[in-house]
C-alpha cells in the first residue's frame, strides 16, 4: 500500500496517512527507505490492553524514514502523553542538527560565481545567493554541498500534459534527487506544477539591453536643431514671403487702375493698352523676393516700397527672422555643437520591434530559462518579437548559454538585444562598462524564490526564516554588499541594487533609476569638449555646394553659345530619329 501511494504521488506535507497495527510492536521488515520525506506516516500499535503507542516517521529532521515513538494514549484515563498528538513541522525542522543538503548550482553572476575545472569539478567562488544560502544554513543548522545539474541550466518543461517533466536543476528537484535550489529561480505557473517555491527572495523586472545611443553624424548638425515636422512649414514660409510682400504692395495699385467703371465701358480696351505701356509704380516680384531673402539671411537691404503696409510687413518679417528663427536656431545649433546629439535610445518594446523590422536587429535570450518560456508563450508585442526572431534565426541561434555570454557578444555586434532579468543585466553591463549599453524600461515584474520539492515538509520553517531576513533588511544588505564588493560605492551614490530592492517592497512604484538615468549620470561627469572644425564640417559642406553651384552658373554664362549649339545639335538628332521611325 505504501508503494502504491508513492507511485500515485500522494505524498505531501498536508497529507497524513494513519495505519492501525494490531500487533504489540512494529515489524522489523518495514522499509524505512519508502517512508522518507515528504511522506507522512503515523502507525498505531497496541502493546498492552487499553494502551496505544503512536509511531511517526517525521519526528526528527534527518530524513531517514525511521518510525519513532512520539506519543502514548492511555484508554483508562483517556489522556495523551504529549500535546499535540504529533510534533509540528515548524518545531521539528527548526533545527536540522547538521543535516547535509544537496543543492544544484549554476554559474550566473551575480547570484553564483562558479569556476569549472577539468572534468566535472567545480568550485563556487561567491555570489549573492551563495551568501544568502550560507546565512539560511546557519540559522537552520544544516550544511550543504553543491552539485552540478545536467546541461548546467535551470531547466525547462519537456513535453505537455500530465507527462511533462523538467530538465536541468528543476528536473533534479522534481525527481527528488536534491532538496532545494536557490539561484535566481523565477516563479512561473509552469514551474509550480513540478516544484514548490518559498517566500520570494527577489522581486525583479524583465528587461532587455542594447548598445548605448551613438553620436549622430556631425555633418547634419545644421539641419538637426529643428525637427522634421518644423522644416516644411519653415521652408514654405520662406518661399511665400516674397510673393506675399509683392501682393501687399501691388494689389492697391492694380485695384486702382483695373477697377471697372460704368461710364468708360466703351474706352476699356484703349485704357488697357495705355496701362500696359505705362511703367508700374511698384517694385517687381524678383526685387521683393530678393529683399525677403536678405532679411532671412540677416543682411542689410532697403525696403522696396515706401508704404505703411509694406513697412509693417517688413518689421514683422524682421522680428520673426531675428528673434524667432535666428536666435532659436543659433541657440539650438550651439548646444548641438557643444554636446553632440545622440540617436534615440532603444528602451521600449515598440522601438525594439521597429529596429528589428527595419534595421535587422536580433534578440538574444538565455536557453531554457524563464524568459525563454515567457517569450515562447507570450502574446501581443512579445509574440511578434518572437516571430521576428525565429524568421531571422531558423536554427535557434538566438539562444545563448548565459546572459554574460550575450553581453560579451553585444560588445562586438551592436545590432543585438539581450533579454533577461533587470538585475542580472545591470550587473553584467556594469562589469563590461555601463556606458556601452542601454538598459530598457521595466517590462513586467517577476519574482525569484527558493525552489523545493513538491510537498516539502520544511517549507513553512524555510519561509519563516526568509521572511525574518527580508523584514530585517538583511537580504537587502547582502545584495548591496555583493555589488559593493564587485564595484565599490561611487561617490556615495545610490546603487542600482539598492533601488531594485526598495522596489521589491513596492512593486507598483516606478523605478527612479534606469539604464538611461545611470548613463546620464556618467555623462554628466564627463568634461564638455571644445568646439573644433570637425563639428563645423556641415557648414563647410554647404559652402562647398554654394561654390559649386556658382561655378556651374558661371560656366554656363561664359559658354552660352557653345551650350546653345550643343542643344541644337541634340535637338536635330532627336528630330531625325523621330522622322526615321
Protein backbone atom coordinates (compact mmCIF):
# COMPACT_ATOMS: atom_id res chain seq x y z
CA UNK A 1 0.00 0.00 0.00
CA UNK A 2 2.88 2.42 0.77
CA UNK A 3 4.46 1.75 -2.61
CA UNK A 4 1.16 2.47 -4.37
CA UNK A 5 0.80 5.75 -2.50
CA UNK A 6 4.28 6.79 -3.63
CA UNK A 7 3.63 5.77 -7.23
CA UNK A 8 0.47 7.87 -7.33
CA UNK A 9 2.40 10.86 -5.91
CA UNK A 10 0.11 11.29 -2.94
CA UNK A 11 2.94 12.01 -0.52
CA UNK A 12 2.61 15.61 0.71
CA UNK A 13 3.23 17.60 3.87
CA UNK A 14 -0.52 18.31 4.12
CA UNK A 15 -1.44 14.61 3.94
CA UNK A 16 -1.11 12.28 6.93
CA UNK A 17 -1.55 8.51 6.44
CA UNK A 18 -2.55 6.71 9.63
CA UNK A 19 -2.24 2.90 9.91
CA UNK A 20 -3.53 0.79 12.79
CA UNK A 21 -1.10 -2.03 13.55
CA UNK A 22 -2.77 -4.59 15.76
CA UNK A 23 0.49 -6.15 16.88
CA UNK A 24 2.34 -5.24 20.02
CA UNK A 25 5.27 -3.74 18.11
CA UNK A 26 6.31 -2.78 14.59
CA UNK A 27 7.78 -5.36 12.29
CA UNK A 28 11.49 -5.10 11.54
CA UNK A 29 10.86 -5.67 7.85
CA UNK A 30 9.31 -2.23 7.48
CA UNK A 31 11.31 -0.49 4.72
CA UNK A 32 12.44 2.91 6.03
CA UNK A 33 13.52 3.98 2.51
CA UNK A 34 9.86 4.21 1.50
CA UNK A 35 8.95 6.40 4.48
CA UNK A 36 11.23 9.34 3.67
CA UNK A 37 10.10 12.92 3.12
CA UNK A 38 7.64 14.21 2.17
CA UNK A 39 5.68 11.04 3.04
CA UNK A 40 4.00 11.47 6.47
CA UNK A 41 3.05 8.20 8.18
CA UNK A 42 1.66 7.54 11.65
CA UNK A 43 1.35 3.93 12.92
CA UNK A 44 -0.69 2.96 15.98
CA UNK A 45 0.24 -0.21 17.89
CA UNK A 46 -1.35 -1.92 20.90
CA UNK A 47 1.46 -3.05 23.18
CA UNK A 48 -0.91 -3.94 26.05
CA UNK A 49 -4.55 -3.67 26.89
CA UNK A 50 -6.05 -0.16 26.76
CA UNK A 51 -2.67 1.33 25.82
CA UNK A 52 -1.86 2.55 22.31
CA UNK A 53 1.59 3.59 21.16
CA UNK A 54 1.94 6.06 18.27
CA UNK A 55 4.92 5.99 15.89
CA UNK A 56 5.78 8.81 13.50
CA UNK A 57 8.35 8.99 10.69
CA UNK A 58 8.98 12.79 10.79
CA UNK A 59 9.80 13.13 14.46
CA UNK A 60 13.38 14.15 13.55
CA UNK A 61 14.71 16.21 10.63
CA UNK A 62 17.23 13.60 9.45
CA UNK A 63 15.10 12.20 6.56
CA UNK A 64 15.93 8.58 7.40
CA UNK A 65 12.33 7.38 7.43
CA UNK A 66 12.63 5.79 10.87
CA UNK A 67 9.40 5.16 12.80
CA UNK A 68 9.97 6.74 16.20
CA UNK A 69 7.68 6.57 19.21
CA UNK A 70 6.22 10.04 19.67
CA UNK A 71 3.11 9.66 21.86
CA UNK A 72 1.19 7.32 24.11
CA UNK A 73 -2.55 7.02 24.66
CA UNK A 74 -3.97 5.51 27.88
CA UNK A 75 -7.60 4.41 27.47
CA UNK A 76 -8.07 4.07 31.21
CA UNK A 77 -7.90 7.80 31.92
CA UNK A 78 -8.33 8.94 28.27
CA UNK A 79 -5.13 11.02 28.20
CA UNK A 80 -2.17 11.54 25.85
CA UNK A 81 1.39 11.67 27.00
CA UNK A 82 2.14 14.77 24.84
CA UNK A 83 0.04 17.53 23.37
CA UNK A 84 -0.27 17.95 20.40
CA UNK A 85 -0.59 14.42 19.17
CA UNK A 86 2.27 14.65 16.65
CA UNK A 87 5.21 17.10 16.67
CA UNK A 88 4.62 20.11 14.45
CA UNK A 89 6.84 20.51 11.35
CA UNK A 90 7.94 24.01 12.42
CA UNK A 91 9.37 22.59 15.65
CA UNK A 92 10.90 19.52 14.03
CA UNK A 93 12.57 21.40 11.19
CA UNK A 94 13.58 24.41 13.22
CA UNK A 95 16.96 22.79 13.77
CA UNK A 96 18.24 20.31 11.18
CA UNK A 97 21.01 19.07 13.51
CA UNK A 98 23.74 19.27 10.87
CA UNK A 99 21.85 17.56 8.06
CA UNK A 100 23.59 17.74 4.66
CA UNK A 101 21.62 19.07 1.68
CA UNK A 102 22.48 18.59 -1.99
CA UNK A 103 21.96 21.88 -3.86
CA UNK A 104 22.47 22.34 -7.64
CA UNK A 105 24.46 25.40 -8.68
CA UNK A 106 24.85 27.26 -11.99
CA UNK A 107 27.33 29.95 -12.93
CA UNK A 108 25.15 33.05 -13.14
CA UNK A 109 26.66 36.34 -11.88
CA UNK A 110 25.90 38.00 -9.54
CA UNK A 111 23.93 35.16 -7.96
CA UNK A 112 26.65 32.50 -8.18
CA UNK A 113 30.25 32.66 -9.36
CA UNK A 114 31.27 29.14 -10.34
CA UNK A 115 34.70 28.19 -11.62
CA UNK A 116 34.62 24.97 -13.64
CA UNK A 117 37.72 22.82 -13.59
CA UNK A 118 38.77 19.80 -15.57
CA UNK A 119 36.08 17.18 -15.93
CA UNK A 120 33.05 17.59 -13.65
CA UNK A 121 34.78 19.52 -10.87
CA UNK A 122 33.56 22.98 -10.00
CA UNK A 123 34.07 25.49 -7.22
CA UNK A 124 31.77 28.27 -6.04
CA UNK A 125 33.71 31.49 -5.51
CA UNK A 126 30.86 33.55 -4.11
CA UNK A 127 27.71 35.33 -5.15
CA UNK A 128 24.65 36.90 -3.62
CA UNK A 129 22.61 33.66 -3.41
CA UNK A 130 25.65 31.76 -2.11
CA UNK A 131 25.92 34.22 0.78
CA UNK A 132 22.18 34.02 1.38
CA UNK A 133 22.27 30.20 1.46
CA UNK A 134 25.12 30.27 3.96
CA UNK A 135 23.08 32.56 6.20
CA UNK A 136 19.97 30.34 5.96
CA UNK A 137 22.07 27.25 6.68
CA UNK A 138 23.50 28.92 9.77
CA UNK A 139 20.03 29.89 11.03
CA UNK A 140 18.55 26.40 10.45
CA UNK A 141 21.71 24.46 11.41
CA UNK A 142 22.34 22.46 8.26
CA UNK A 143 25.23 22.14 5.86
CA UNK A 144 25.14 21.81 2.10
CA UNK A 145 27.22 20.67 -0.82
CA UNK A 146 26.86 21.85 -4.40
CA UNK A 147 26.19 19.50 -7.29
CA UNK A 148 26.31 20.27 -10.99
CA UNK A 149 22.94 19.91 -12.77
CA UNK A 150 22.64 18.36 -16.23
CA UNK A 151 23.45 20.75 -19.08
CA UNK A 152 24.24 23.44 -16.45
CA UNK A 153 20.81 25.06 -16.82
CA UNK A 154 17.86 25.81 -14.55
CA UNK A 155 15.51 23.67 -16.64
CA UNK A 156 12.53 23.93 -18.92
CA UNK A 157 9.44 21.78 -19.38
CA UNK A 158 9.82 18.81 -21.71
CA UNK A 159 6.54 17.62 -23.16
CA UNK A 160 2.99 18.69 -22.37
CA UNK A 161 0.17 17.50 -20.19
CA UNK A 162 0.45 15.17 -17.20
CA UNK A 163 3.63 13.52 -18.51
CA UNK A 164 5.58 16.79 -18.71
CA UNK A 165 8.92 16.79 -16.94
CA UNK A 166 11.69 19.30 -16.39
CA UNK A 167 15.33 19.26 -17.36
CA UNK A 168 18.33 20.70 -15.56
CA UNK A 169 18.27 21.64 -11.88
CA UNK A 170 14.46 21.74 -11.69
CA UNK A 171 14.36 18.22 -13.12
CA UNK A 172 16.63 17.00 -10.32
CA UNK A 173 14.33 18.66 -7.81
CA UNK A 174 11.26 17.12 -9.43
CA UNK A 175 12.83 13.62 -9.25
CA UNK A 176 13.71 14.29 -5.58
CA UNK A 177 17.44 13.94 -6.22
CA UNK A 178 18.15 17.24 -4.40
CA UNK A 179 16.38 19.00 -1.53
CA UNK A 180 16.25 22.63 -2.70
CA UNK A 181 17.57 25.04 -5.34
CA UNK A 182 18.49 28.72 -4.90
CA UNK A 183 19.93 30.75 -7.76
CA UNK A 184 17.68 33.43 -9.30
CA UNK A 185 14.89 30.89 -9.89
CA UNK A 186 11.92 32.76 -11.37
CA UNK A 187 8.46 31.73 -10.16
CA UNK A 188 6.21 30.71 -13.06
CA UNK A 189 2.95 28.79 -13.32
CA UNK A 190 4.62 26.12 -15.43
CA UNK A 191 7.32 25.51 -12.82
CA UNK A 192 4.86 25.46 -9.92
CA UNK A 193 3.34 22.29 -11.37
CA UNK A 194 6.64 20.46 -10.79
CA UNK A 195 8.15 22.17 -7.73
CA UNK A 196 7.12 24.48 -4.91
CA UNK A 197 8.52 27.89 -4.08
CA UNK A 198 9.23 29.67 -0.84
CA UNK A 199 8.67 33.31 0.04
CA UNK A 200 10.33 35.42 -2.67
CA UNK A 201 13.96 36.39 -2.22
CA UNK A 202 13.97 38.99 -5.01
CA UNK A 203 11.34 40.98 -6.88
CA UNK A 204 12.97 41.82 -10.18
CA UNK A 205 11.72 43.00 -13.56
CA UNK A 206 12.20 41.68 -17.06
CA UNK A 207 14.17 43.95 -19.37
CA UNK A 208 16.46 43.94 -22.36
CA UNK A 209 19.76 45.67 -23.02
CA UNK A 210 21.10 47.14 -26.27
CA UNK A 211 24.08 49.24 -27.25
CA UNK A 212 24.31 52.76 -25.90
CA UNK A 213 22.95 55.56 -28.13
CA UNK A 214 25.71 56.52 -30.52
CA UNK A 215 26.66 60.03 -31.63
CA UNK A 216 24.88 61.28 -34.72
CA UNK A 217 26.71 62.50 -37.78
CA UNK A 218 28.09 65.98 -37.11
CA UNK A 219 27.79 66.94 -40.78
CA UNK A 220 24.00 67.11 -40.35
CA UNK A 221 24.17 69.38 -37.31
CA UNK A 222 22.95 72.34 -39.40
CA UNK A 223 19.54 70.76 -40.01
CA UNK A 224 19.17 68.98 -36.65
CA UNK A 225 18.14 71.88 -34.35
CA UNK A 226 14.62 71.79 -35.82
CA UNK A 227 12.69 68.57 -36.06
CA UNK A 228 11.36 67.14 -39.30
CA UNK A 229 7.90 68.50 -38.64
CA UNK A 230 9.26 72.06 -38.36
CA UNK A 231 11.24 72.26 -41.60
CA UNK A 232 8.33 72.04 -44.14
CA UNK A 233 6.36 74.99 -42.66
CA UNK A 234 9.61 76.93 -42.32
CA UNK A 235 10.57 76.42 -45.96
CA UNK A 236 7.04 77.24 -47.15
CA UNK A 237 7.13 80.47 -45.11
CA UNK A 238 10.47 81.50 -46.62
CA UNK A 239 9.26 80.78 -50.16
CA UNK A 240 5.96 82.61 -49.76
CA UNK A 241 7.30 85.72 -48.02
CA UNK A 242 8.47 87.38 -51.26
CA UNK A 243 5.22 86.79 -53.22
CA UNK A 244 3.14 87.90 -50.23
CA UNK A 245 5.11 91.17 -49.98
CA UNK A 246 4.65 91.67 -53.70
CA UNK A 247 0.87 91.16 -53.39
CA UNK A 248 0.65 93.57 -50.46
CA UNK A 249 2.40 96.28 -52.48
CA UNK A 250 0.86 95.68 -55.91
CA UNK A 251 -2.77 94.90 -55.01
CA UNK A 252 -3.83 98.54 -54.23
CA UNK A 253 -2.30 99.80 -57.49
CA UNK A 254 -3.83 97.06 -59.56
CA UNK A 255 -7.22 97.65 -57.98
CA UNK A 256 -6.94 101.38 -58.60
CA UNK A 257 -6.17 101.07 -62.31
CA UNK A 258 -8.26 97.96 -63.14
CA UNK A 259 -11.44 98.80 -61.26
CA UNK A 260 -14.35 98.66 -63.71
CA UNK A 261 -16.03 101.97 -64.31
CA UNK A 262 -19.51 102.11 -65.84
CA UNK A 263 -19.02 105.47 -67.60
CA UNK A 264 -15.92 104.34 -69.51
CA UNK A 265 -17.03 100.93 -70.81
CA UNK A 266 -16.51 101.92 -74.42
CA UNK A 267 -12.89 103.01 -73.81
CA UNK A 268 -11.95 99.79 -71.89
CA UNK A 269 -9.53 98.40 -74.46
CA UNK A 270 -7.99 101.78 -75.06
CA UNK A 271 -7.29 102.32 -71.37
CA UNK A 272 -5.87 98.77 -71.08
CA UNK A 273 -3.33 99.45 -73.82
CA UNK A 274 -2.31 102.65 -72.08
CA UNK A 275 -1.85 100.86 -68.75
CA UNK A 276 0.33 98.23 -70.38
CA UNK A 277 2.56 100.92 -71.86
CA UNK A 278 2.75 102.85 -68.56
CA UNK A 279 5.62 101.90 -66.21
CA UNK A 280 4.34 100.37 -62.93
CA UNK A 281 4.62 102.42 -59.74
CA UNK A 282 5.58 99.43 -57.51
CA UNK A 283 8.66 97.15 -57.42
CA UNK A 284 8.86 93.90 -59.36
CA UNK A 285 8.41 90.39 -57.94
CA UNK A 286 12.09 89.46 -58.11
CA UNK A 287 13.04 92.53 -56.08
CA UNK A 288 10.54 91.62 -53.34
CA UNK A 289 11.86 88.05 -53.23
CA UNK A 290 15.44 89.26 -53.04
CA UNK A 291 14.54 91.63 -50.19
CA UNK A 292 12.95 88.84 -48.11
CA UNK A 293 15.98 86.62 -48.72
CA UNK A 294 18.25 89.40 -47.41
CA UNK A 295 16.06 89.74 -44.32
CA UNK A 296 16.18 85.98 -43.58
CA UNK A 297 19.93 85.95 -44.10
CA UNK A 298 20.17 88.98 -41.79
CA UNK A 299 21.80 91.15 -44.46
CA UNK A 300 21.34 94.88 -44.96
CA UNK A 301 18.65 95.76 -47.52
CA UNK A 302 16.39 98.71 -48.39
CA UNK A 303 12.61 98.41 -48.22
CA UNK A 304 11.44 98.08 -51.84
CA UNK A 305 8.38 100.32 -51.32
CA UNK A 306 7.60 103.26 -49.05
CA UNK A 307 4.17 102.28 -47.76
CA UNK A 308 2.57 101.61 -44.38
CA UNK A 309 1.58 98.02 -45.19
CA UNK A 310 4.99 97.25 -46.67
CA UNK A 311 6.76 98.76 -43.65
CA UNK A 312 4.56 96.82 -41.19
CA UNK A 313 5.16 93.57 -43.06
CA UNK A 314 8.91 94.24 -43.21
CA UNK A 315 9.06 94.89 -39.45
CA UNK A 316 7.10 91.70 -38.75
CA UNK A 317 9.34 89.74 -41.11
CA UNK A 318 12.47 91.15 -39.48
CA UNK A 319 11.24 90.28 -35.96
CA UNK A 320 10.41 86.71 -36.96
CA UNK A 321 13.72 86.22 -38.76
CA UNK A 322 15.82 87.75 -35.97
CA UNK A 323 14.23 86.62 -32.70
CA UNK A 324 12.25 83.52 -33.65
CA UNK A 325 14.29 81.84 -36.34
CA UNK A 326 17.76 83.33 -35.90
CA UNK A 327 18.15 83.29 -32.11
CA UNK A 328 16.36 79.98 -31.55
CA UNK A 329 18.28 78.29 -34.33
CA UNK A 330 21.62 79.72 -33.15
CA UNK A 331 21.00 78.61 -29.56
CA UNK A 332 19.98 75.11 -30.63
CA UNK A 333 22.91 74.81 -33.01
CA UNK A 334 25.37 75.97 -30.34
CA UNK A 335 24.06 73.40 -27.86
CA UNK A 336 24.20 70.68 -30.51
CA UNK A 337 27.82 71.51 -31.30
CA UNK A 338 28.83 71.87 -27.64
CA UNK A 339 27.27 68.49 -26.73
CA UNK A 340 26.90 66.33 -29.85
CA UNK A 341 23.46 64.79 -30.32
CA UNK A 342 22.86 61.08 -29.95
CA UNK A 343 20.38 58.73 -31.54
CA UNK A 344 17.16 57.91 -29.70
CA UNK A 345 17.66 55.10 -27.14
CA UNK A 346 16.01 51.70 -27.62
CA UNK A 347 14.30 51.45 -24.25
CA UNK A 348 10.79 50.19 -25.13
CA UNK A 349 9.45 47.11 -26.85
CA UNK A 350 7.90 49.26 -29.57
CA UNK A 351 11.25 50.78 -30.55
CA UNK A 352 12.89 47.36 -30.40
CA UNK A 353 10.24 45.94 -32.74
CA UNK A 354 10.78 48.82 -35.14
CA UNK A 355 14.55 48.28 -35.16
CA UNK A 356 14.12 44.52 -35.64
CA UNK A 357 11.76 45.07 -38.57
CA UNK A 358 13.71 47.77 -40.42
CA UNK A 359 17.32 47.71 -39.19
CA UNK A 360 17.90 43.96 -38.81
CA UNK A 361 18.28 43.81 -35.03
CA UNK A 362 18.34 40.37 -33.34
CA UNK A 363 17.01 39.39 -29.90
CA UNK A 364 19.04 37.00 -27.70
CA UNK A 365 17.67 35.07 -24.72
CA UNK A 366 19.15 32.54 -22.32
CA UNK A 367 18.46 28.94 -23.33
CA UNK A 368 15.81 27.09 -21.28
CA UNK A 369 15.25 29.98 -18.87
CA UNK A 370 12.05 31.51 -17.55
CA UNK A 371 12.46 34.37 -20.04
CA UNK A 372 12.77 31.91 -22.91
CA UNK A 373 9.50 30.30 -21.83
CA UNK A 374 7.85 33.71 -21.41
CA UNK A 375 8.93 34.68 -24.93
CA UNK A 376 7.65 31.44 -26.45
CA UNK A 377 4.29 31.51 -24.62
CA UNK A 378 3.77 35.26 -24.90
CA UNK A 379 1.14 37.28 -26.73
CA UNK A 380 0.93 40.74 -28.23
CA UNK A 381 4.17 42.55 -28.95
CA UNK A 382 6.34 39.85 -27.32
CA UNK A 383 4.80 37.29 -29.66
CA UNK A 384 5.61 39.50 -32.67
CA UNK A 385 9.18 39.86 -31.44
CA UNK A 386 9.47 36.10 -31.09
CA UNK A 387 8.21 35.60 -34.66
CA UNK A 388 10.73 38.13 -35.98
CA UNK A 389 13.45 36.35 -34.02
CA UNK A 390 12.53 32.98 -35.48
CA UNK A 391 12.43 34.38 -39.02
CA UNK A 392 15.96 35.76 -38.71
CA UNK A 393 17.45 32.68 -36.97
CA UNK A 394 15.94 29.42 -38.11
CA UNK A 395 18.48 27.24 -36.26
CA UNK A 396 17.85 28.70 -32.79
CA UNK A 397 20.94 30.88 -32.99
CA UNK A 398 19.17 33.45 -30.78
CA UNK A 399 19.52 31.12 -27.76
CA UNK A 400 22.60 31.69 -25.61
CA UNK A 401 24.03 29.80 -22.66
CA UNK A 402 24.01 32.73 -20.24
CA UNK A 403 23.34 36.44 -20.03
CA UNK A 404 27.06 37.03 -19.58
CA UNK A 405 27.72 35.45 -22.98
CA UNK A 406 25.08 37.66 -24.57
CA UNK A 407 26.63 40.82 -23.12
CA UNK A 408 30.05 39.82 -24.43
CA UNK A 409 28.56 39.22 -27.89
CA UNK A 410 26.76 42.57 -27.76
CA UNK A 411 30.11 44.37 -27.38
CA UNK A 412 31.13 43.37 -30.91
CA UNK A 413 27.75 43.34 -32.67
CA UNK A 414 25.67 46.47 -31.94
CA UNK A 415 22.59 45.09 -33.73
CA UNK A 416 21.75 42.76 -30.85
CA UNK A 417 19.46 42.93 -27.82
CA UNK A 418 19.76 40.63 -24.78
CA UNK A 419 16.54 39.71 -22.94
CA UNK A 420 16.67 38.72 -19.25
CA UNK A 421 16.33 39.85 -15.63
CA UNK A 422 16.98 43.51 -14.98
CA UNK A 423 19.32 42.89 -12.02
CA UNK A 424 21.36 40.34 -13.95
CA UNK A 425 21.59 42.59 -16.98
CA UNK A 426 22.61 45.57 -14.91
CA UNK A 427 25.33 43.61 -13.12
CA UNK A 428 26.85 42.27 -16.34
CA UNK A 429 26.70 45.63 -18.12
CA UNK A 430 28.42 47.17 -15.12
CA UNK A 431 31.19 44.59 -15.39
CA UNK A 432 31.85 45.31 -19.07
CA UNK A 433 31.25 49.07 -18.93
CA UNK A 434 27.85 50.62 -18.26
CA UNK A 435 28.48 53.46 -20.72
CA UNK A 436 28.49 50.95 -23.59
CA UNK A 437 24.96 49.66 -23.03
CA UNK A 438 21.40 50.92 -22.76
CA UNK A 439 19.07 49.24 -20.25
CA UNK A 440 15.39 49.29 -21.16
CA UNK A 441 12.39 50.13 -19.05
CA UNK A 442 10.58 47.62 -16.85
CA UNK A 443 8.57 45.13 -18.90
CA UNK A 444 6.88 43.06 -16.19
CA UNK A 445 7.60 42.11 -12.59
CA UNK A 446 8.87 38.63 -11.84
CA UNK A 447 9.72 37.01 -8.51
CA UNK A 448 12.62 34.74 -7.57
CA UNK A 449 12.45 32.30 -4.67
CA UNK A 450 13.89 29.07 -3.27
CA UNK A 451 12.59 26.03 -5.17
CA UNK A 452 11.83 22.90 -3.09
CA UNK A 453 10.24 19.52 -3.71
CA UNK A 454 6.50 19.10 -4.05
CA UNK A 455 5.07 18.62 -0.53
CA UNK A 456 8.33 19.66 1.17
CA UNK A 457 7.78 19.30 4.96
CA UNK A 458 10.16 22.09 5.98
CA UNK A 459 8.76 24.75 3.62
CA UNK A 460 7.00 26.61 6.46
CA UNK A 461 10.19 26.75 8.52
CA UNK A 462 12.14 27.96 5.48
CA UNK A 463 9.53 30.66 4.78
CA UNK A 464 9.70 31.85 8.37
CA UNK A 465 13.48 32.29 8.19
CA UNK A 466 13.37 34.06 4.79
CA UNK A 467 10.58 36.39 5.90
CA UNK A 468 12.52 37.37 9.01
CA UNK A 469 15.61 38.05 6.92
CA UNK A 470 13.55 40.12 4.49
CA UNK A 471 11.78 42.13 7.19
CA UNK A 472 15.06 42.84 8.97
CA UNK A 473 16.60 44.12 5.73
CA UNK A 474 19.35 41.50 5.76
CA UNK A 475 18.60 40.30 2.21
CA UNK A 476 18.88 43.88 1.04
CA UNK A 477 22.20 44.29 2.81
CA UNK A 478 23.52 41.08 1.27
CA UNK A 479 22.60 42.30 -2.21
CA UNK A 480 24.18 45.72 -1.68
CA UNK A 481 27.30 44.19 -0.14
CA UNK A 482 27.76 41.97 -3.21
CA UNK A 483 27.62 44.98 -5.53
CA UNK A 484 29.96 47.00 -3.35
CA UNK A 485 32.41 44.13 -3.24
CA UNK A 486 32.49 43.94 -7.03
CA UNK A 487 32.34 47.62 -7.97
CA UNK A 488 32.61 49.67 -4.81
CA UNK A 489 30.47 52.64 -3.85
CA UNK A 490 30.97 55.55 -6.23
CA UNK A 491 30.79 58.96 -4.53
CA UNK A 492 28.18 57.71 -2.08
CA UNK A 493 25.55 57.42 -4.82
CA UNK A 494 22.60 55.06 -4.53
CA UNK A 495 23.38 51.87 -6.42
CA UNK A 496 21.02 50.12 -8.77
CA UNK A 497 20.73 47.18 -6.40
CA UNK A 498 19.51 49.44 -3.61
CA UNK A 499 16.86 50.87 -5.90
CA UNK A 500 15.80 47.41 -7.05
CA UNK A 501 15.49 46.06 -3.52
CA UNK A 502 13.48 49.10 -2.49
CA UNK A 503 11.18 48.50 -5.40
CA UNK A 504 10.65 44.96 -4.05
CA UNK A 505 8.66 46.45 -1.21
CA UNK A 506 6.51 48.46 -3.61
CA UNK A 507 6.48 46.69 -6.97
CA UNK A 508 3.89 49.05 -8.41
CA UNK A 509 6.10 52.12 -7.99
CA UNK A 510 8.15 53.21 -10.96
CA UNK A 511 11.90 52.79 -10.84
CA UNK A 512 13.62 56.13 -10.30
CA UNK A 513 16.92 54.97 -11.77
CA UNK A 514 17.01 53.21 -15.10
CA UNK A 515 19.64 52.43 -17.67
CA UNK A 516 19.39 55.82 -19.33
CA UNK A 517 19.41 57.54 -15.94
CA UNK A 518 22.60 55.81 -14.98
CA UNK A 519 24.08 56.75 -18.33
CA UNK A 520 23.11 60.38 -17.87
CA UNK A 521 24.84 60.34 -14.52
CA UNK A 522 28.03 59.09 -16.09
CA UNK A 523 27.69 61.60 -18.94
CA UNK A 524 27.26 64.49 -16.52
CA UNK A 525 30.68 63.75 -15.09
CA UNK A 526 32.32 63.96 -18.49
CA UNK A 527 34.00 67.23 -19.46
CA UNK A 528 32.47 69.25 -22.25
CA UNK A 529 34.59 69.11 -25.38
CA UNK A 530 35.56 72.43 -27.03
CA UNK A 531 34.23 73.18 -30.47
CA UNK A 532 36.52 72.29 -33.35
CA UNK A 533 36.48 72.42 -37.15
CA UNK A 534 35.22 68.85 -37.34
CA UNK A 535 31.97 69.89 -35.69
CA UNK A 536 31.57 72.59 -38.35
CA UNK A 537 32.06 70.28 -41.31
CA UNK A 538 28.38 70.66 -42.22
CA UNK A 539 28.88 74.39 -42.74
CA UNK A 540 31.85 73.72 -45.00
CA UNK A 541 29.78 71.23 -46.98
CA UNK A 542 27.07 73.84 -47.50
CA UNK A 543 29.72 76.36 -48.53
CA UNK A 544 31.18 73.84 -50.99
CA UNK A 545 27.74 73.26 -52.50
CA UNK A 546 27.24 77.00 -52.91
CA UNK A 547 30.63 77.45 -54.59
CA UNK A 548 29.91 74.52 -56.88
CA UNK A 549 26.54 75.97 -57.89
CA UNK A 550 28.13 79.38 -58.53
CA UNK A 551 30.87 77.80 -60.64
CA UNK A 552 28.33 75.91 -62.73
CA UNK A 553 26.32 79.10 -63.35
CA UNK A 554 29.50 80.98 -64.35
CA UNK A 555 30.50 78.21 -66.74
CA UNK A 556 27.07 78.21 -68.37
CA UNK A 557 27.14 82.00 -68.83
CA UNK A 558 30.63 82.02 -70.35
CA UNK A 559 29.88 79.14 -72.68
CA UNK A 560 26.30 80.02 -73.54
CA UNK A 561 26.92 79.88 -77.28
CA UNK A 562 28.62 76.51 -77.08
CA UNK A 563 25.75 75.18 -74.96
CA UNK A 564 23.19 76.55 -77.45
CA UNK A 565 24.98 74.80 -80.31
CA UNK A 566 25.13 71.53 -78.39
CA UNK A 567 21.45 71.74 -77.52
CA UNK A 568 20.54 72.48 -81.16
CA UNK A 569 22.56 69.55 -82.39
CA UNK A 570 20.97 67.22 -79.91
CA UNK A 571 17.55 68.51 -80.90
CA UNK A 572 18.26 67.94 -84.58
CA UNK A 573 19.47 64.40 -83.94
CA UNK A 574 16.33 63.62 -81.93
CA UNK A 575 14.14 65.07 -84.69
CA UNK A 576 15.82 62.95 -87.38
CA UNK A 577 15.46 59.82 -85.26
CA UNK A 578 11.80 60.60 -84.78
CA UNK A 579 11.25 61.13 -88.51
CA UNK A 580 13.06 57.90 -89.29
CA UNK A 581 10.82 55.85 -87.01
